[in-house]
Amino acid sequence: MPTSEFDLIYRYFSSLGAGPAVDLSVGDDCAILRLEPNERLATSVDTMVEGVHFPEDMFPEDIGFRAVSVAASDLAAMGARPIGMTVALTLPEADEFWINTFSQGIAQAVSEYRLPLVGGDTTRGPLTISVQVMGALPADKALLREGAQVGDLVYVSGTLGDAAGALAFLNGEWHPEPDAAEFLLQRFHRPRARVELGRELLGKATSAIDISDGLLADAGHIAAASGVSIDIECGRVPLSSALNSHPDSESKLKWALSGGDDYELCLTLPEEVPTPEGCTRIGRVTKGQGVKVDQDIDFTAGYQHF
């Protein structure tokens, strides 16, 4: 007898919906979430399509974790406290092994981000995962793309270019040593949304964005929204030792500046504010518009969806 949609939901996902902000979770027509007094709701949705946003042979557990991390990164960029999410899953077939393994990745992300799964949908079609996340913000605070001021310093969290380096390895364009390859693949398969950092930056950062489409493209969104120029010093852009093992310095820099998929934060801070832990200063906000770099290299604009 074919497995029904409701059997799949209850068997693999119904245990993931508990959380302090959840009044009603999976099992009814809607979930009910509770905000604290003087809080606002922040929400965002991200869709991943097989063969476009992840390789066709990617392990289902990694797909589940990555899908949640990508969406949770938007909460991090706003400084929001995670309160719940929904997952819409389109499957070519009801493969229970795949769904079981996928649900384990979702469960790991639920635990890591304290982001309960409170609802969703399943349907038949090409493999596609859409994750909608919901978070809470103080009534008077949020990290926005607008707000960067001339004289602010520009920072990024973590290291950049690792996901692009991993894709180069997967595509046979580079053959790093095993330890470096393992690190880069982990960074691509299991990105970590900087949720705690985002919350720490509330009331401190003048602007922020998560780096999904590449540093140049995403810093450009801050520049456009704020009406300023973002000037980047390429030598300051942080690279991992794994990425630095690549022999070509231009390739590494291109991956770091325009590769995308790292899901780190790019942010601006007034000069007097101390450097946040785990962040690196890479430039300054100046008068003008757009993003400027101090090296003459032919960079791509970042990931384009169409």
Protein backbone atom coordinates (compact mmCIF):
# COMPACT_ATOMS: atom_id res chain seq x y z
CA MET A 1 0.00 0.00 0.00
CA PRO A 2 1.55 3.39 -0.95
CA THR A 3 2.79 5.55 1.87
CA SER A 4 0.54 8.60 2.35
CA GLU A 5 1.73 12.17 2.76
CA PHE A 6 0.45 12.24 6.33
CA ASP A 7 2.21 8.99 7.25
CA LEU A 8 5.50 10.45 6.01
CA ILE A 9 5.04 13.69 7.93
CA TYR A 10 4.16 12.05 11.21
CA ARG A 11 6.72 9.28 10.97
CA TYR A 12 9.75 11.42 10.28
CA PHE A 13 9.00 15.02 11.22
CA SER A 14 6.33 15.24 13.94
CA SER A 15 8.85 14.92 16.78
CA LEU A 16 10.81 18.01 15.72
CA GLY A 17 8.23 20.68 16.55
CA ALA A 18 8.73 21.47 20.22
CA GLY A 19 10.07 24.87 21.25
CA PRO A 20 9.55 27.63 23.80
CA ALA A 21 7.69 29.82 21.28
CA VAL A 22 5.51 26.99 19.91
CA ASP A 23 1.91 26.81 21.14
CA LEU A 24 0.77 24.42 18.38
CA SER A 25 3.03 22.45 16.06
CA VAL A 26 2.68 19.82 13.31
CA GLY A 27 -0.74 18.20 12.98
CA ASP A 28 -3.26 20.95 12.41
CA ASP A 29 -4.02 23.35 9.55
CA CYS A 30 -1.64 25.98 10.96
CA ALA A 31 1.05 26.15 13.58
CA ILE A 32 0.71 28.74 16.33
CA LEU A 33 3.81 30.59 17.51
CA ARG A 34 4.09 33.00 20.40
CA LEU A 35 6.06 36.24 20.46
CA GLU A 36 7.19 37.88 23.68
CA PRO A 37 5.95 41.39 24.52
CA ASN A 38 7.63 44.11 22.42
CA GLU A 39 8.81 41.68 19.76
CA ARG A 40 8.25 41.61 15.99
CA LEU A 41 8.16 38.66 13.59
CA ALA A 42 10.94 38.23 11.01
CA THR A 43 10.38 35.68 8.26
CA SER A 44 12.20 34.49 5.15
CA VAL A 45 12.04 31.57 2.71
CA ASP A 46 14.73 29.82 0.65
CA THR A 47 14.34 27.17 -2.05
CA MET A 48 16.95 24.60 -3.10
CA VAL A 49 16.62 22.63 -6.36
CA GLU A 50 18.58 19.45 -7.09
CA GLY A 51 21.24 20.01 -9.72
CA VAL A 52 21.08 23.79 -9.24
CA HIS A 53 21.74 24.43 -5.56
CA PHE A 54 23.22 21.07 -4.61
CA PRO A 55 24.72 18.11 -6.55
CA GLU A 56 22.46 15.24 -7.55
CA ASP A 57 24.56 12.75 -5.54
CA MET A 58 24.62 14.78 -2.33
CA PHE A 59 23.82 12.74 0.78
CA PRO A 60 20.22 13.36 1.98
CA GLU A 61 21.31 14.10 5.56
CA ASP A 62 23.58 16.89 4.29
CA ILE A 63 20.80 18.24 2.04
CA GLY A 64 18.48 18.53 5.04
CA PHE A 65 21.02 20.28 7.23
CA ARG A 66 22.17 22.59 4.45
CA ALA A 67 18.60 23.59 3.52
CA VAL A 68 17.89 24.73 7.07
CA SER A 69 21.26 26.49 7.47
CA VAL A 70 20.76 28.46 4.26
CA ALA A 71 17.39 29.72 5.48
CA ALA A 72 18.54 30.30 9.07
CA SER A 73 21.38 32.46 7.72
CA ASP A 74 18.76 35.08 6.79
CA LEU A 75 17.65 35.20 10.43
CA ALA A 76 21.29 35.63 11.43
CA ALA A 77 21.68 38.54 9.03
CA MET A 78 18.73 40.30 10.69
CA GLY A 79 19.79 39.51 14.26
CA ALA A 80 16.61 37.51 14.85
CA ARG A 81 16.02 34.86 17.50
CA PRO A 82 14.84 31.63 15.79
CA ILE A 83 11.36 30.53 16.83
CA GLY A 84 10.16 28.07 14.14
CA MET A 85 10.25 26.91 10.54
CA THR A 86 8.25 25.05 7.92
CA VAL A 87 9.59 22.75 5.20
CA ALA A 88 7.95 22.13 1.82
CA LEU A 89 9.39 18.99 0.23
CA THR A 90 8.88 18.04 -3.41
CA LEU A 91 9.96 14.44 -4.14
CA PRO A 92 10.11 12.36 -7.33
CA GLU A 93 8.95 9.39 -5.27
CA ALA A 94 8.23 8.42 -1.67
CA ASP A 95 11.64 6.84 -1.00
CA GLU A 96 11.51 6.12 2.72
CA PHE A 97 15.26 5.59 3.11
CA TRP A 98 15.90 8.99 1.51
CA ILE A 99 13.23 10.70 3.62
CA ASN A 100 14.46 9.07 6.83
CA THR A 101 18.05 10.15 6.17
CA PHE A 102 16.96 13.64 5.09
CA SER A 103 14.93 14.01 8.30
CA GLN A 104 18.05 13.26 10.35
CA GLY A 105 19.78 16.27 8.80
CA ILE A 106 16.72 18.39 9.55
CA ALA A 107 16.75 17.13 13.15
CA GLN A 108 20.42 18.07 13.58
CA ALA A 109 19.69 21.59 12.33
CA VAL A 110 16.64 21.87 14.60
CA SER A 111 18.93 21.10 17.54
CA GLU A 112 21.80 23.35 16.45
CA TYR A 113 19.71 26.44 15.78
CA ARG A 114 16.94 25.77 18.32
CA LEU A 115 14.59 26.13 15.36
CA PRO A 116 11.61 23.75 15.71
CA LEU A 117 9.89 22.36 12.63
CA VAL A 118 6.26 23.40 13.07
CA GLY A 119 4.72 22.52 9.70
CA GLY A 120 5.22 21.89 6.01
CA ASP A 121 3.99 20.18 2.90
CA THR A 122 4.95 17.29 0.61
CA THR A 123 4.21 16.80 -3.06
CA ARG A 124 5.47 14.89 -6.10
CA GLY A 125 7.88 16.43 -8.61
CA PRO A 126 11.59 17.22 -9.16
CA LEU A 127 13.53 17.20 -5.90
CA THR A 128 13.06 20.65 -4.34
CA ILE A 129 13.24 21.83 -0.73
CA SER A 130 11.76 25.12 0.47
CA VAL A 131 12.39 26.21 4.05
CA GLN A 132 10.55 29.13 5.60
CA VAL A 133 12.08 30.40 8.83
CA MET A 134 10.51 32.63 11.45
CA GLY A 135 12.32 34.63 14.10
CA ALA A 136 11.70 37.24 16.75
CA LEU A 137 13.19 40.74 16.81
CA PRO A 138 12.98 43.45 19.44
CA ALA A 139 10.38 46.07 18.56
CA ASP A 140 13.08 48.72 18.20
CA LYS A 141 16.05 46.80 16.75
CA ALA A 142 17.01 44.89 13.60
CA LEU A 143 20.06 44.44 11.40
CA LEU A 144 19.30 45.91 7.98
CA ARG A 145 21.17 46.39 4.72
CA GLU A 146 20.64 50.12 4.97
CA GLY A 147 22.38 52.09 7.67
CA ALA A 148 26.09 51.85 6.79
CA GLN A 149 27.74 55.23 7.41
CA VAL A 150 30.81 56.82 5.84
CA GLY A 151 33.74 55.99 8.12
CA ASP A 152 32.35 52.65 9.31
CA LEU A 153 34.62 49.64 9.09
CA VAL A 154 33.59 46.57 7.06
CA TYR A 155 33.93 43.08 8.55
CA VAL A 156 33.21 39.49 7.59
CA SER A 157 32.83 36.48 9.84
CA GLY A 158 34.76 33.24 9.36
CA THR A 159 36.57 32.52 6.11
CA LEU A 160 35.42 33.04 2.54
CA GLY A 161 35.75 31.01 -0.66
CA ASP A 162 35.58 27.57 0.94
CA ALA A 163 32.30 26.55 -0.71
CA ALA A 164 33.55 27.66 -4.13
CA GLY A 165 36.76 25.71 -3.54
CA ALA A 166 34.68 22.65 -2.66
CA LEU A 167 32.70 22.98 -5.90
CA ALA A 168 35.95 23.24 -7.87
CA PHE A 169 37.04 19.98 -6.24
CA LEU A 170 33.69 18.29 -6.95
CA ASN A 171 33.89 19.42 -10.58
CA GLY A 172 37.38 17.99 -10.99
CA GLU A 173 39.00 21.41 -11.41
CA TRP A 174 41.24 21.05 -8.37
CA HIS A 175 42.64 18.11 -6.38
CA PRO A 176 43.51 19.29 -2.85
CA GLU A 177 45.10 17.06 -0.24
CA PRO A 178 42.59 14.80 1.58
CA ASP A 179 42.45 16.87 4.78
CA ALA A 180 41.87 20.09 2.83
CA ALA A 181 39.25 18.44 0.62
CA GLU A 182 37.39 17.12 3.68
CA PHE A 183 37.34 20.57 5.29
CA LEU A 184 36.12 22.29 2.12
CA LEU A 185 33.39 19.72 1.53
CA GLN A 186 32.20 20.11 5.11
CA ARG A 187 31.98 23.87 4.57
CA PHE A 188 29.84 23.35 1.46
CA HIS A 189 27.67 20.49 2.71
CA ARG A 190 27.25 21.80 6.27
CA PRO A 191 27.40 25.61 6.34
CA ARG A 192 26.81 27.14 9.76
CA ALA A 193 24.43 30.08 10.00
CA ARG A 194 25.90 32.76 12.30
CA VAL A 195 22.74 33.12 14.37
CA GLU A 196 24.43 33.94 17.68
CA LEU A 197 26.73 36.49 16.06
CA GLY A 198 23.76 38.20 14.46
CA ARG A 199 22.01 38.52 17.80
CA GLU A 200 25.18 39.90 19.41
CA LEU A 201 25.40 42.59 16.71
CA LEU A 202 21.95 44.05 17.43
CA GLY A 203 22.39 47.65 18.49
CA LYS A 204 26.05 47.62 17.40
CA ALA A 205 26.28 46.98 13.65
CA THR A 206 25.02 49.71 11.34
CA SER A 207 24.25 47.17 8.57
CA ALA A 208 24.56 43.47 7.83
CA ILE A 209 23.89 40.83 5.19
CA ASP A 210 24.64 37.14 4.82
CA ILE A 211 27.07 36.11 2.10
CA SER A 212 25.11 33.76 -0.14
CA ASP A 213 25.76 35.09 -3.66
CA GLY A 214 29.36 36.20 -3.09
CA LEU A 215 31.02 38.97 -1.07
CA LEU A 216 31.10 41.49 -3.92
CA ALA A 217 27.44 40.98 -4.80
CA ASP A 218 26.20 40.99 -1.22
CA ALA A 219 28.37 43.91 -0.08
CA GLY A 220 26.94 45.67 -3.13
CA HIS A 221 23.46 45.29 -1.65
CA ILE A 222 24.62 47.09 1.51
CA ALA A 223 26.24 49.82 -0.60
CA ALA A 224 23.08 50.32 -2.67
CA ALA A 225 20.69 50.29 0.28
CA SER A 226 22.89 52.66 2.31
CA GLY A 227 23.90 55.01 -0.51
CA VAL A 228 27.63 54.54 0.10
CA SER A 229 30.70 52.84 -1.33
CA ILE A 230 32.18 49.69 0.20
CA ASP A 231 35.97 49.66 -0.28
CA ILE A 232 37.53 46.21 0.18
CA GLU A 233 41.21 45.47 0.80
CA CYS A 234 41.75 42.11 -0.90
CA GLY A 235 44.75 41.23 1.25
CA ARG A 236 42.57 41.36 4.36
CA VAL A 237 39.91 38.92 3.11
CA PRO A 238 40.24 35.84 5.39
CA LEU A 239 41.00 32.50 3.73
CA SER A 240 41.14 29.09 5.39
CA SER A 241 44.36 27.09 5.37
CA ALA A 242 42.54 24.52 3.20
CA LEU A 243 41.74 27.12 0.54
CA ASN A 244 45.21 28.62 0.85
CA SER A 245 46.66 25.26 -0.18
CA HIS A 246 45.57 26.05 -3.75
CA PRO A 247 48.65 27.21 -5.68
CA ASP A 248 46.97 29.99 -7.67
CA SER A 249 46.42 33.18 -5.66
CA GLU A 250 44.08 34.72 -8.24
CA SER A 251 41.74 31.71 -8.20
CA LYS A 252 41.58 31.76 -4.39
CA LEU A 253 40.77 35.45 -4.33
CA LYS A 254 38.08 35.12 -6.99
CA TRP A 255 36.43 32.32 -5.02
CA ALA A 256 36.55 34.38 -1.83
CA LEU A 257 35.13 37.52 -3.45
CA SER A 258 32.51 36.10 -5.77
CA GLY A 259 32.08 32.37 -5.10
CA GLY A 260 29.20 32.59 -2.62
CA ASP A 261 27.56 29.82 -0.57
CA ASP A 262 29.70 30.51 2.52
CA TYR A 263 26.78 31.92 4.58
CA GLU A 264 29.06 34.11 6.65
CA LEU A 265 28.03 37.63 7.62
CA CYS A 266 29.26 40.87 6.08
CA LEU A 267 28.68 43.81 8.40
CA THR A 268 29.62 47.41 9.11
CA LEU A 269 30.53 48.85 12.48
CA PRO A 270 31.47 52.30 13.73
CA GLU A 271 35.25 52.59 14.06
CA GLU A 272 35.16 52.75 17.86
CA VAL A 273 33.29 49.43 18.26
CA PRO A 274 35.62 46.48 19.04
CA THR A 275 36.04 43.74 16.44
CA PRO A 276 33.46 41.00 17.10
CA GLU A 277 34.90 37.59 17.93
CA GLY A 278 35.49 35.49 14.83
CA CYS A 279 35.34 38.48 12.48
CA THR A 280 37.97 40.15 10.30
CA ARG A 281 38.11 43.75 9.12
CA ILE A 282 38.30 43.83 5.33
CA GLY A 283 37.59 47.43 4.39
CA ARG A 284 35.86 50.72 5.01
CA VAL A 285 32.68 52.58 4.07
CA THR A 286 33.41 55.68 1.97
CA LYS A 287 31.52 58.28 -0.04
CA GLY A 288 30.37 57.09 -3.45
CA GLN A 289 28.51 54.05 -4.64
CA GLY A 290 29.07 50.36 -5.35
CA VAL A 291 31.92 48.12 -4.24
CA LYS A 292 35.58 48.83 -4.94
CA VAL A 293 38.55 46.48 -4.55
CA ASP A 294 42.23 47.37 -4.48
CA GLN A 295 43.37 44.80 -7.05
CA ASP A 296 42.93 44.80 -10.81
CA ILE A 297 41.38 41.36 -11.31
CA ASP A 298 38.46 40.41 -13.54
CA PHE A 299 35.89 39.38 -10.91
CA THR A 300 32.49 37.92 -11.68
CA ALA A 301 29.48 39.65 -10.16
CA GLY A 302 28.43 36.71 -8.00
CA TYR A 303 25.74 34.07 -8.37
CA GLN A 304 22.87 34.94 -10.72
CA HIS A 305 19.55 33.08 -10.31
CA PHE A 306 18.44 33.82 -13.89
